[in-house]
Amino acid sequence: MSNEPEIFDFIEDNDQTRARREHLQALAALVGNVYPNKFERSRVFNPPHEDTITAVINEDALTKIVGNETFNETFSSLRRKARQGEKPAPEETEQANNFLNKIRVRLAGRLAVPPRVMGKAAFVHLSDGVSRLQIYVRKADVTGVRNDNSTDPVDGWQLFNLLDHGDFIGVTGYLFVTKTGELSVHVEELQFLAKALVPMPDKLHGISDPEVRQRRRYADLLAGSLKIETETDADEATRELSPRETFERRAKLIREMRHFLDEHEFTEVETPMLTPVATGAAARPFVTHHNALDITLYARIAPELYLKRLLVGGFERVYE
């Protein structure tokens, strides 16, 4: 018998985690495989690439797909009123929905808020890590999809009620705007993709402890993607960058530095991470042993020695 620890051994045992495990067991009985490895999204907004939530909520892309001036004016008015907190006229939403209802999408994302059922229907937001999109699930309309080879449908409403905040799902449906002017997806098919076995971080404040943010960057990124935008966040001049934006800007800076060096005829090289001699002046290096070669190696602290050897070998401009 294996002594390997189970995944549940690493998860704190409390009422919330137990409820999520029970939901996972019920989902396994309902949809079969609770760890599907594939979900194909639609390719409407940026073919041949798959649609993301960020692509769907892009107003320019949406108006381009519809290609109707009347819709463009109506939809722009709806979005403007929604941002200002005004309720649009019923005629405007009806006119916009005449066009939007013809656009069918297949999207995947994480439940950004806890599911809240209102009678026989529910609104909930999906997140792709960057943007959010509201979905509308109604008991009479939604069908569940199994994750095995069976083509038999399952009770979509039962499936929805087994979901928790942070779960990944796939949805198929058509676009529409609500009475408040919010772009949404009317879900016709619902597919379970992955279960979040632990509760999500605070969606209002995120993670405030700086040490936790640095030590658990994955949790910080997740909390940032689920955090509700406040009035302070809406002000571009004063808002703090989200963890994801920090990562993305760092990547852009490094890309531009590479571009600058490449343009000036520098050659990018890769030098050893483990060296037979200690480097880095007075710093104490990490020491390890290479069993196959039976030699002692040191983790490099500075890459300068091998870069200088490249200069000796005839490379005038190098970077790493």
C-alpha atoms as a PDB file:
ATOM      1  CA  MET A   1       0.000   0.000   0.000  1.00  0.00           C
ATOM      2  CA  SER A   2       1.382   3.414  -0.965  1.00  0.00           C
ATOM      3  CA  ASN A   3       2.447   5.850   1.749  1.00  0.00           C
ATOM      4  CA  GLU A   4       2.111   8.815  -0.600  1.00  0.00           C
ATOM      5  CA  PRO A   5      -0.045  11.577   0.927  1.00  0.00           C
ATOM      6  CA  GLU A   6      -3.468  12.237  -0.580  1.00  0.00           C
ATOM      7  CA  ILE A   7      -4.347  15.698  -1.893  1.00  0.00           C
ATOM      8  CA  PHE A   8      -6.848  16.111   0.944  1.00  0.00           C
ATOM      9  CA  ASP A   9      -4.010  15.666   3.475  1.00  0.00           C
ATOM     10  CA  PHE A  10      -2.725  19.107   2.508  1.00  0.00           C
ATOM     11  CA  ILE A  11      -6.107  20.845   2.881  1.00  0.00           C
ATOM     12  CA  GLU A  12      -7.335  22.183   6.200  1.00  0.00           C
ATOM     13  CA  ASP A  13     -10.349  20.248   7.437  1.00  0.00           C
ATOM     14  CA  ASN A  14     -13.265  22.572   8.214  1.00  0.00           C
ATOM     15  CA  ASP A  15     -16.926  23.031   7.322  1.00  0.00           C
ATOM     16  CA  GLN A  16     -16.179  24.839   4.052  1.00  0.00           C
ATOM     17  CA  THR A  17     -13.624  22.354   2.724  1.00  0.00           C
ATOM     18  CA  ARG A  18     -15.822  19.408   3.718  1.00  0.00           C
ATOM     19  CA  ALA A  19     -18.768  20.929   1.847  1.00  0.00           C
ATOM     20  CA  ARG A  20     -16.608  21.358  -1.258  1.00  0.00           C
ATOM     21  CA  ARG A  21     -15.472  17.725  -1.091  1.00  0.00           C
ATOM     22  CA  GLU A  22     -19.072  16.586  -0.801  1.00  0.00           C
ATOM     23  CA  HIS A  23     -19.953  18.682  -3.853  1.00  0.00           C
ATOM     24  CA  LEU A  24     -17.050  17.085  -5.740  1.00  0.00           C
ATOM     25  CA  GLN A  25     -18.311  13.592  -4.915  1.00  0.00           C
ATOM     26  CA  ALA A  26     -21.828  14.523  -6.033  1.00  0.00           C
ATOM     27  CA  LEU A  27     -20.435  15.982  -9.267  1.00  0.00           C
ATOM     28  CA  ALA A  28     -18.519  12.759  -9.940  1.00  0.00           C
ATOM     29  CA  ALA A  29     -21.778  10.828  -9.703  1.00  0.00           C
ATOM     30  CA  LEU A  30     -23.512  13.357 -11.952  1.00  0.00           C
ATOM     31  CA  VAL A  31     -21.005  14.106 -14.751  1.00  0.00           C
ATOM     32  CA  GLY A  32     -18.531  11.229 -14.505  1.00  0.00           C
ATOM     33  CA  ASN A  33     -14.991  12.537 -14.942  1.00  0.00           C
ATOM     34  CA  VAL A  34     -14.417  15.536 -12.646  1.00  0.00           C
ATOM     35  CA  TYR A  35     -10.967  16.196 -14.141  1.00  0.00           C
ATOM     36  CA  PRO A  36     -11.631  16.725 -17.874  1.00  0.00           C
ATOM     37  CA  ASN A  37      -8.570  17.688 -19.893  1.00  0.00           C
ATOM     38  CA  LYS A  38     -10.220  19.525 -22.764  1.00  0.00           C
ATOM     39  CA  PHE A  39     -12.843  22.183 -23.449  1.00  0.00           C
ATOM     40  CA  GLU A  40     -12.985  23.844 -26.854  1.00  0.00           C
ATOM     41  CA  ARG A  41     -14.103  27.460 -26.801  1.00  0.00           C
ATOM     42  CA  SER A  42     -15.794  29.239 -29.685  1.00  0.00           C
ATOM     43  CA  ARG A  43     -13.811  31.182 -32.300  1.00  0.00           C
ATOM     44  CA  VAL A  44     -16.149  34.085 -33.020  1.00  0.00           C
ATOM     45  CA  PHE A  45     -14.318  37.192 -31.867  1.00  0.00           C
ATOM     46  CA  ASN A  46     -10.750  36.607 -33.011  1.00  0.00           C
ATOM     47  CA  PRO A  47     -10.523  33.585 -35.317  1.00  0.00           C
ATOM     48  CA  PRO A  48      -8.616  31.329 -35.498  1.00  0.00           C
ATOM     49  CA  HIS A  49      -7.909  31.965 -31.799  1.00  0.00           C
ATOM     50  CA  GLU A  50     -10.323  30.726 -29.151  1.00  0.00           C
ATOM     51  CA  ASP A  51     -12.627  33.260 -27.519  1.00  0.00           C
ATOM     52  CA  THR A  52     -11.729  34.584 -24.081  1.00  0.00           C
ATOM     53  CA  ILE A  53     -13.913  36.607 -21.749  1.00  0.00           C
ATOM     54  CA  THR A  54     -11.633  39.583 -22.355  1.00  0.00           C
ATOM     55  CA  ALA A  55     -12.257  39.291 -26.104  1.00  0.00           C
ATOM     56  CA  VAL A  56     -16.036  38.989 -25.720  1.00  0.00           C
ATOM     57  CA  ILE A  57     -16.451  42.114 -23.577  1.00  0.00           C
ATOM     58  CA  ASN A  58     -14.417  44.216 -26.013  1.00  0.00           C
ATOM     59  CA  GLU A  59     -16.933  46.719 -27.397  1.00  0.00           C
ATOM     60  CA  ASP A  60     -15.003  47.367 -30.610  1.00  0.00           C
ATOM     61  CA  ALA A  61     -14.824  43.650 -31.430  1.00  0.00           C
ATOM     62  CA  LEU A  62     -18.507  43.171 -30.677  1.00  0.00           C
ATOM     63  CA  THR A  63     -19.681  46.067 -32.838  1.00  0.00           C
ATOM     64  CA  LYS A  64     -17.420  44.858 -35.649  1.00  0.00           C
ATOM     65  CA  ILE A  65     -18.984  41.376 -35.544  1.00  0.00           C
ATOM     66  CA  VAL A  66     -22.544  42.720 -35.602  1.00  0.00           C
ATOM     67  CA  GLY A  67     -21.677  45.257 -38.304  1.00  0.00           C
ATOM     68  CA  ASN A  68     -24.811  47.379 -37.927  1.00  0.00           C
ATOM     69  CA  GLU A  69     -24.779  51.139 -37.300  1.00  0.00           C
ATOM     70  CA  THR A  70     -28.074  51.079 -35.395  1.00  0.00           C
ATOM     71  CA  PHE A  71     -26.722  48.433 -33.046  1.00  0.00           C
ATOM     72  CA  ASN A  72     -23.444  50.303 -32.615  1.00  0.00           C
ATOM     73  CA  GLU A  73     -25.229  53.462 -31.482  1.00  0.00           C
ATOM     74  CA  THR A  74     -27.657  51.590 -29.224  1.00  0.00           C
ATOM     75  CA  PHE A  75     -24.996  49.415 -27.631  1.00  0.00           C
ATOM     76  CA  SER A  76     -22.659  52.360 -27.011  1.00  0.00           C
ATOM     77  CA  SER A  77     -25.523  54.195 -25.319  1.00  0.00           C
ATOM     78  CA  LEU A  78     -26.319  51.134 -23.189  1.00  0.00           C
ATOM     79  CA  ARG A  79     -22.727  50.695 -22.063  1.00  0.00           C
ATOM     80  CA  ARG A  80     -22.350  54.386 -21.262  1.00  0.00           C
ATOM     81  CA  LYS A  81     -25.488  54.368 -19.113  1.00  0.00           C
ATOM     82  CA  ALA A  82     -24.405  51.158 -17.370  1.00  0.00           C
ATOM     83  CA  ARG A  83     -21.042  52.708 -16.433  1.00  0.00           C
ATOM     84  CA  GLN A  84     -22.824  55.788 -15.082  1.00  0.00           C
ATOM     85  CA  GLY A  85     -25.285  53.691 -13.084  1.00  0.00           C
ATOM     86  CA  GLU A  86     -28.289  54.692 -15.199  1.00  0.00           C
ATOM     87  CA  LYS A  87     -30.993  52.233 -16.191  1.00  0.00           C
ATOM     88  CA  PRO A  88     -31.469  52.100 -19.978  1.00  0.00           C
ATOM     89  CA  ALA A  89     -34.873  52.262 -21.624  1.00  0.00           C
ATOM     90  CA  PRO A  90     -36.529  48.864 -22.312  1.00  0.00           C
ATOM     91  CA  GLU A  91     -36.652  49.726 -26.022  1.00  0.00           C
ATOM     92  CA  GLU A  92     -32.861  50.064 -26.112  1.00  0.00           C
ATOM     93  CA  THR A  93     -32.186  46.688 -24.490  1.00  0.00           C
ATOM     94  CA  GLU A  94     -34.730  44.981 -26.735  1.00  0.00           C
ATOM     95  CA  GLN A  95     -33.197  46.516 -29.844  1.00  0.00           C
ATOM     96  CA  ALA A  96     -29.682  45.480 -28.808  1.00  0.00           C
ATOM     97  CA  ASN A  97     -30.803  41.953 -27.933  1.00  0.00           C
ATOM     98  CA  ASN A  98     -32.315  41.481 -31.391  1.00  0.00           C
ATOM     99  CA  PHE A  99     -28.721  41.474 -32.657  1.00  0.00           C
ATOM    100  CA  LEU A 100     -26.897  39.979 -29.649  1.00  0.00           C
ATOM    101  CA  ASN A 101     -29.135  36.908 -29.355  1.00  0.00           C
ATOM    102  CA  LYS A 102     -27.787  35.705 -32.715  1.00  0.00           C
ATOM    103  CA  ILE A 103     -24.216  35.482 -31.359  1.00  0.00           C
ATOM    104  CA  ARG A 104     -23.492  32.116 -29.719  1.00  0.00           C
ATOM    105  CA  VAL A 105     -20.331  31.605 -27.688  1.00  0.00           C
ATOM    106  CA  ARG A 106     -18.549  28.835 -25.778  1.00  0.00           C
ATOM    107  CA  LEU A 107     -16.501  30.227 -22.916  1.00  0.00           C
ATOM    108  CA  ALA A 108     -14.590  28.905 -19.921  1.00  0.00           C
ATOM    109  CA  GLY A 109     -13.687  30.628 -16.687  1.00  0.00           C
ATOM    110  CA  ARG A 110     -13.585  30.629 -12.915  1.00  0.00           C
ATOM    111  CA  LEU A 111     -16.608  31.570 -10.804  1.00  0.00           C
ATOM    112  CA  ALA A 112     -15.540  35.006  -9.586  1.00  0.00           C
ATOM    113  CA  VAL A 113     -18.262  35.255  -6.934  1.00  0.00           C
ATOM    114  CA  PRO A 114     -20.194  32.697  -4.863  1.00  0.00           C
ATOM    115  CA  PRO A 115     -23.229  31.389  -6.822  1.00  0.00           C
ATOM    116  CA  ARG A 116     -26.467  32.932  -5.554  1.00  0.00           C
ATOM    117  CA  VAL A 117     -29.706  31.325  -6.625  1.00  0.00           C
ATOM    118  CA  MET A 118     -32.845  33.455  -6.851  1.00  0.00           C
ATOM    119  CA  GLY A 119     -35.740  31.028  -7.169  1.00  0.00           C
ATOM    120  CA  LYS A 120     -35.281  29.176 -10.443  1.00  0.00           C
ATOM    121  CA  ALA A 121     -32.585  31.422 -11.926  1.00  0.00           C
ATOM    122  CA  ALA A 122     -29.171  32.810 -11.025  1.00  0.00           C
ATOM    123  CA  PHE A 123     -26.663  35.426 -12.131  1.00  0.00           C
ATOM    124  CA  VAL A 124     -22.950  34.856 -11.538  1.00  0.00           C
ATOM    125  CA  HIS A 125     -19.693  36.274 -12.937  1.00  0.00           C
ATOM    126  CA  LEU A 126     -17.007  34.289 -14.760  1.00  0.00           C
ATOM    127  CA  SER A 127     -13.376  35.414 -14.783  1.00  0.00           C
ATOM    128  CA  ASP A 128     -10.581  34.520 -17.200  1.00  0.00           C
ATOM    129  CA  GLY A 129      -7.965  36.016 -14.874  1.00  0.00           C
ATOM    130  CA  VAL A 130      -8.160  39.414 -16.578  1.00  0.00           C
ATOM    131  CA  SER A 131     -11.812  40.305 -17.141  1.00  0.00           C
ATOM    132  CA  ARG A 132     -15.263  39.277 -15.960  1.00  0.00           C
ATOM    133  CA  LEU A 133     -18.471  38.451 -17.767  1.00  0.00           C
ATOM    134  CA  GLN A 134     -21.882  37.851 -16.234  1.00  0.00           C
ATOM    135  CA  ILE A 135     -23.715  34.624 -17.042  1.00  0.00           C
ATOM    136  CA  TYR A 136     -27.418  33.935 -16.549  1.00  0.00           C
ATOM    137  CA  VAL A 137     -28.523  30.408 -15.652  1.00  0.00           C
ATOM    138  CA  ARG A 138     -32.216  29.494 -15.654  1.00  0.00           C
ATOM    139  CA  LYS A 139     -33.502  26.126 -14.487  1.00  0.00           C
ATOM    140  CA  ALA A 140     -35.864  25.685 -17.442  1.00  0.00           C
ATOM    141  CA  ASP A 141     -33.181  26.418 -20.063  1.00  0.00           C
ATOM    142  CA  VAL A 142     -29.886  24.919 -18.894  1.00  0.00           C
ATOM    143  CA  THR A 143     -28.650  21.422 -19.743  1.00  0.00           C
ATOM    144  CA  GLY A 144     -25.666  19.781 -18.084  1.00  0.00           C
ATOM    145  CA  VAL A 145     -22.912  18.106 -20.103  1.00  0.00           C
ATOM    146  CA  ARG A 146     -21.205  14.897 -18.983  1.00  0.00           C
ATOM    147  CA  ASN A 147     -17.402  14.626 -19.011  1.00  0.00           C
ATOM    148  CA  ASP A 148     -17.227  11.026 -20.199  1.00  0.00           C
ATOM    149  CA  ASN A 149     -18.101   9.369 -23.494  1.00  0.00           C
ATOM    150  CA  SER A 150     -21.821   9.424 -22.724  1.00  0.00           C
ATOM    151  CA  THR A 151     -23.969  11.796 -24.764  1.00  0.00           C
ATOM    152  CA  ASP A 152     -26.857  11.642 -22.300  1.00  0.00           C
ATOM    153  CA  PRO A 153     -27.588  15.102 -20.849  1.00  0.00           C
ATOM    154  CA  VAL A 154     -27.733  15.679 -17.102  1.00  0.00           C
ATOM    155  CA  ASP A 155     -29.736  18.075 -14.958  1.00  0.00           C
ATOM    156  CA  GLY A 156     -27.970  21.388 -15.548  1.00  0.00           C
ATOM    157  CA  TRP A 157     -29.686  23.075 -12.616  1.00  0.00           C
ATOM    158  CA  GLN A 158     -28.553  20.319 -10.268  1.00  0.00           C
ATOM    159  CA  LEU A 159     -25.032  20.692 -11.631  1.00  0.00           C
ATOM    160  CA  PHE A 160     -25.102  24.462 -11.085  1.00  0.00           C
ATOM    161  CA  ASN A 161     -26.172  24.039  -7.465  1.00  0.00           C
ATOM    162  CA  LEU A 162     -23.096  21.893  -6.792  1.00  0.00           C
ATOM    163  CA  LEU A 163     -20.714  24.670  -7.863  1.00  0.00           C
ATOM    164  CA  ASP A 164     -18.653  26.755  -5.440  1.00  0.00           C
ATOM    165  CA  HIS A 165     -16.821  30.063  -5.583  1.00  0.00           C
ATOM    166  CA  GLY A 166     -13.603  29.496  -7.548  1.00  0.00           C
ATOM    167  CA  ASP A 167     -14.737  26.493  -9.608  1.00  0.00           C
ATOM    168  CA  PHE A 168     -13.943  26.355 -13.321  1.00  0.00           C
ATOM    169  CA  ILE A 169     -16.840  25.804 -15.703  1.00  0.00           C
ATOM    170  CA  GLY A 170     -17.522  25.912 -19.421  1.00  0.00           C
ATOM    171  CA  VAL A 171     -20.706  27.484 -20.763  1.00  0.00           C
ATOM    172  CA  THR A 172     -22.448  27.578 -24.132  1.00  0.00           C
ATOM    173  CA  GLY A 173     -25.128  30.141 -24.881  1.00  0.00           C
ATOM    174  CA  TYR A 174     -26.057  33.401 -26.566  1.00  0.00           C
ATOM    175  CA  LEU A 175     -25.278  37.007 -25.700  1.00  0.00           C
ATOM    176  CA  PHE A 176     -27.767  39.524 -24.357  1.00  0.00           C
ATOM    177  CA  VAL A 177     -27.885  42.665 -22.229  1.00  0.00           C
ATOM    178  CA  THR A 178     -29.797  42.782 -18.956  1.00  0.00           C
ATOM    179  CA  LYS A 179     -32.271  45.455 -17.877  1.00  0.00           C
ATOM    180  CA  THR A 180     -29.354  47.289 -16.262  1.00  0.00           C
ATOM    181  CA  GLY A 181     -27.377  47.241 -19.525  1.00  0.00           C
ATOM    182  CA  GLU A 182     -24.805  44.607 -18.534  1.00  0.00           C
ATOM    183  CA  LEU A 183     -23.528  42.294 -21.266  1.00  0.00           C
ATOM    184  CA  SER A 184     -24.235  38.679 -20.284  1.00  0.00           C
ATOM    185  CA  VAL A 185     -24.429  35.117 -21.592  1.00  0.00           C
ATOM    186  CA  HIS A 186     -27.717  33.211 -21.397  1.00  0.00           C
ATOM    187  CA  VAL A 187     -26.424  29.722 -20.597  1.00  0.00           C
ATOM    188  CA  GLU A 188     -27.927  26.791 -22.506  1.00  0.00           C
ATOM    189  CA  GLU A 189     -25.233  24.194 -21.762  1.00  0.00           C
ATOM    190  CA  LEU A 190     -23.134  23.960 -18.607  1.00  0.00           C
ATOM    191  CA  GLN A 191     -20.009  21.828 -18.228  1.00  0.00           C
ATOM    192  CA  PHE A 192     -18.017  21.284 -15.045  1.00  0.00           C
ATOM    193  CA  LEU A 193     -14.236  21.613 -15.533  1.00  0.00           C
ATOM    194  CA  ALA A 194     -12.492  21.794 -12.131  1.00  0.00           C
ATOM    195  CA  LYS A 195     -13.314  22.116  -8.430  1.00  0.00           C
ATOM    196  CA  ALA A 196     -11.732  24.625  -6.044  1.00  0.00           C
ATOM    197  CA  LEU A 197     -11.271  22.555  -2.889  1.00  0.00           C
ATOM    198  CA  VAL A 198     -10.390  25.507  -0.632  1.00  0.00           C
ATOM    199  CA  PRO A 199     -12.247  28.815  -0.146  1.00  0.00           C
ATOM    200  CA  MET A 200     -11.193  31.753  -2.283  1.00  0.00           C
ATOM    201  CA  PRO A 201      -9.457  34.873  -0.850  1.00  0.00           C
ATOM    202  CA  ASP A 202     -11.451  37.927   0.249  1.00  0.00           C
ATOM    203  CA  LYS A 203     -12.956  39.334  -2.962  1.00  0.00           C
ATOM    204  CA  LEU A 204     -13.111  42.886  -1.560  1.00  0.00           C
ATOM    205  CA  HIS A 205      -9.669  43.387  -0.032  1.00  0.00           C
ATOM    206  CA  GLY A 206      -7.651  40.565  -1.574  1.00  0.00           C
ATOM    207  CA  ILE A 207      -4.590  39.508   0.457  1.00  0.00           C
ATOM    208  CA  SER A 208      -3.350  42.341   2.674  1.00  0.00           C
ATOM    209  CA  ASP A 209      -0.456  40.582   4.443  1.00  0.00           C
ATOM    210  CA  PRO A 210       2.695  41.559   2.452  1.00  0.00           C
ATOM    211  CA  GLU A 211       4.612  38.454   3.559  1.00  0.00           C
ATOM    212  CA  VAL A 212       1.853  36.125   2.370  1.00  0.00           C
ATOM    213  CA  ARG A 213       1.685  38.029  -0.925  1.00  0.00           C
ATOM    214  CA  GLN A 214       5.415  37.524  -1.513  1.00  0.00           C
ATOM    215  CA  ARG A 215       5.618  33.902  -0.359  1.00  0.00           C
ATOM    216  CA  ARG A 216       2.465  32.737  -2.133  1.00  0.00           C
ATOM    217  CA  ARG A 217       2.467  34.608  -5.404  1.00  0.00           C
ATOM    218  CA  TYR A 218      -0.054  32.188  -6.919  1.00  0.00           C
ATOM    219  CA  ALA A 219      -2.560  33.107  -4.182  1.00  0.00           C
ATOM    220  CA  ASP A 220      -1.817  36.813  -4.658  1.00  0.00           C
ATOM    221  CA  LEU A 221      -2.454  36.504  -8.410  1.00  0.00           C
ATOM    222  CA  LEU A 222      -5.693  34.625  -7.781  1.00  0.00           C
ATOM    223  CA  ALA A 223      -6.893  37.155  -5.199  1.00  0.00           C
ATOM    224  CA  GLY A 224      -6.116  40.006  -7.578  1.00  0.00           C
ATOM    225  CA  SER A 225      -8.161  38.424 -10.372  1.00  0.00           C
ATOM    226  CA  LEU A 226     -11.185  37.967  -8.085  1.00  0.00           C
ATOM    227  CA  LYS A 227     -10.993  41.323  -6.303  1.00  0.00           C
ATOM    228  CA  ILE A 228     -14.015  43.577  -6.815  1.00  0.00           C
ATOM    229  CA  GLU A 229     -13.148  46.896  -8.441  1.00  0.00           C
ATOM    230  CA  THR A 230     -13.795  49.927  -6.213  1.00  0.00           C
ATOM    231  CA  GLU A 231     -14.069  53.625  -7.072  1.00  0.00           C
ATOM    232  CA  THR A 232     -10.396  54.040  -6.144  1.00  0.00           C
ATOM    233  CA  ASP A 233      -9.440  51.215  -8.519  1.00  0.00           C
ATOM    234  CA  ALA A 234     -11.413  52.852 -11.327  1.00  0.00           C
ATOM    235  CA  ASP A 235      -9.201  55.963 -11.145  1.00  0.00           C
ATOM    236  CA  GLU A 236      -6.220  55.157 -13.374  1.00  0.00           C
ATOM    237  CA  ALA A 237      -4.136  57.947 -11.810  1.00  0.00           C
ATOM    238  CA  THR A 238      -4.317  56.650  -8.232  1.00  0.00           C
ATOM    239  CA  ARG A 239      -5.053  52.929  -8.400  1.00  0.00           C
ATOM    240  CA  GLU A 240      -2.513  50.299  -7.443  1.00  0.00           C
ATOM    241  CA  LEU A 241      -1.423  47.829 -10.108  1.00  0.00           C
ATOM    242  CA  SER A 242      -2.923  44.372  -9.742  1.00  0.00           C
ATOM    243  CA  PRO A 243      -0.474  41.466  -9.232  1.00  0.00           C
ATOM    244  CA  ARG A 244      -1.120  40.278 -12.797  1.00  0.00           C
ATOM    245  CA  GLU A 245      -0.449  43.754 -14.222  1.00  0.00           C
ATOM    246  CA  THR A 246       2.847  43.843 -12.308  1.00  0.00           C
ATOM    247  CA  PHE A 247       3.900  40.529 -13.872  1.00  0.00           C
ATOM    248  CA  GLU A 248       2.817  41.653 -17.342  1.00  0.00           C
ATOM    249  CA  ARG A 249       4.640  44.995 -17.115  1.00  0.00           C
ATOM    250  CA  ARG A 250       7.784  43.258 -15.940  1.00  0.00           C
ATOM    251  CA  ALA A 251       7.569  40.925 -18.943  1.00  0.00           C
ATOM    252  CA  LYS A 252       7.131  43.910 -21.278  1.00  0.00           C
ATOM    253  CA  LEU A 253      10.135  45.689 -19.746  1.00  0.00           C
ATOM    254  CA  ILE A 254      12.340  42.622 -20.203  1.00  0.00           C
ATOM    255  CA  ARG A 255      11.089  42.199 -23.770  1.00  0.00           C
ATOM    256  CA  GLU A 256      11.936  45.820 -24.580  1.00  0.00           C
ATOM    257  CA  MET A 257      15.381  45.485 -22.974  1.00  0.00           C
ATOM    258  CA  ARG A 258      16.023  42.417 -25.118  1.00  0.00           C
ATOM    259  CA  HIS A 259      14.790  44.278 -28.181  1.00  0.00           C
ATOM    260  CA  PHE A 260      17.115  47.216 -27.445  1.00  0.00           C
ATOM    261  CA  LEU A 261      20.161  44.983 -26.940  1.00  0.00           C
ATOM    262  CA  ASP A 262      19.375  42.907 -30.043  1.00  0.00           C
ATOM    263  CA  GLU A 263      19.047  46.068 -32.125  1.00  0.00           C
ATOM    264  CA  HIS A 264      22.503  47.127 -30.936  1.00  0.00           C
ATOM    265  CA  GLU A 265      24.023  43.811 -32.033  1.00  0.00           C
ATOM    266  CA  PHE A 266      24.374  42.203 -28.618  1.00  0.00           C
ATOM    267  CA  THR A 267      24.179  38.395 -28.521  1.00  0.00           C
ATOM    268  CA  GLU A 268      22.023  36.687 -25.907  1.00  0.00           C
ATOM    269  CA  VAL A 269      23.787  33.744 -24.257  1.00  0.00           C
ATOM    270  CA  GLU A 270      23.118  31.199 -21.532  1.00  0.00           C
ATOM    271  CA  THR A 271      25.831  30.368 -19.016  1.00  0.00           C
ATOM    272  CA  PRO A 272      25.940  27.579 -16.395  1.00  0.00           C
ATOM    273  CA  MET A 273      23.854  27.908 -13.233  1.00  0.00           C
ATOM    274  CA  LEU A 274      26.133  25.446 -11.385  1.00  0.00           C
ATOM    275  CA  THR A 275      29.898  26.011 -11.545  1.00  0.00           C
ATOM    276  CA  PRO A 276      32.942  24.094 -10.256  1.00  0.00           C
ATOM    277  CA  VAL A 277      34.247  27.213  -8.482  1.00  0.00           C
ATOM    278  CA  ALA A 278      32.490  29.633  -6.147  1.00  0.00           C
ATOM    279  CA  THR A 279      31.699  33.074  -7.574  1.00  0.00           C
ATOM    280  CA  GLY A 280      30.303  36.267  -6.119  1.00  0.00           C
ATOM    281  CA  ALA A 281      33.035  37.881  -4.000  1.00  0.00           C
ATOM    282  CA  ALA A 282      32.280  37.610  -0.244  1.00  0.00           C
ATOM    283  CA  ALA A 283      28.888  35.907  -0.564  1.00  0.00           C
ATOM    284  CA  ARG A 284      28.559  32.359   0.740  1.00  0.00           C
ATOM    285  CA  PRO A 285      27.442  30.118  -2.154  1.00  0.00           C
ATOM    286  CA  PHE A 286      25.041  27.204  -2.138  1.00  0.00           C
ATOM    287  CA  VAL A 287      27.011  23.943  -2.389  1.00  0.00           C
ATOM    288  CA  THR A 288      25.767  20.695  -3.932  1.00  0.00           C
ATOM    289  CA  HIS A 289      27.259  17.433  -5.163  1.00  0.00           C
ATOM    290  CA  HIS A 290      26.940  16.003  -8.682  1.00  0.00           C
ATOM    291  CA  ASN A 291      26.630  12.263  -8.055  1.00  0.00           C
ATOM    292  CA  ALA A 292      27.162  11.097 -11.650  1.00  0.00           C
ATOM    293  CA  LEU A 293      30.403  13.085 -12.044  1.00  0.00           C
ATOM    294  CA  ASP A 294      31.370  12.885  -8.344  1.00  0.00           C
ATOM    295  CA  ILE A 295      32.260  16.573  -8.167  1.00  0.00           C
ATOM    296  CA  THR A 296      31.292  19.495  -5.942  1.00  0.00           C
ATOM    297  CA  LEU A 297      29.352  22.300  -7.632  1.00  0.00           C
ATOM    298  CA  TYR A 298      28.348  25.797  -6.524  1.00  0.00           C
ATOM    299  CA  ALA A 299      25.252  27.777  -7.438  1.00  0.00           C
ATOM    300  CA  ARG A 300      26.478  30.881  -9.194  1.00  0.00           C
ATOM    301  CA  ILE A 301      25.844  34.262  -7.589  1.00  0.00           C
ATOM    302  CA  ALA A 302      27.119  36.356 -10.497  1.00  0.00           C
ATOM    303  CA  PRO A 303      27.344  35.324 -14.185  1.00  0.00           C
ATOM    304  CA  GLU A 304      30.371  37.479 -14.929  1.00  0.00           C
ATOM    305  CA  LEU A 305      33.061  34.781 -15.155  1.00  0.00           C
ATOM    306  CA  TYR A 306      31.533  32.945 -18.112  1.00  0.00           C
ATOM    307  CA  LEU A 307      30.516  36.192 -19.803  1.00  0.00           C
ATOM    308  CA  LYS A 308      34.132  37.369 -19.594  1.00  0.00           C
ATOM    309  CA  ARG A 309      35.275  34.079 -21.097  1.00  0.00           C
ATOM    310  CA  LEU A 310      32.976  34.759 -24.045  1.00  0.00           C
ATOM    311  CA  LEU A 311      34.653  38.137 -24.463  1.00  0.00           C
ATOM    312  CA  VAL A 312      38.012  36.386 -24.488  1.00  0.00           C
ATOM    313  CA  GLY A 313      36.631  34.017 -27.117  1.00  0.00           C
ATOM    314  CA  GLY A 314      35.807  36.902 -29.451  1.00  0.00           C
ATOM    315  CA  PHE A 315      32.250  37.986 -28.576  1.00  0.00           C
ATOM    316  CA  GLU A 316      32.348  41.736 -28.109  1.00  0.00           C
ATOM    317  CA  ARG A 317      28.748  42.254 -27.016  1.00  0.00           C
ATOM    318  CA  VAL A 318      26.901  39.707 -24.912  1.00  0.00           C
ATOM    319  CA  TYR A 319      24.041  39.727 -22.436  1.00  0.00           C
ATOM    320  CA  GLU A 320      22.141  37.228 -20.342  1.00  0.00           C
END
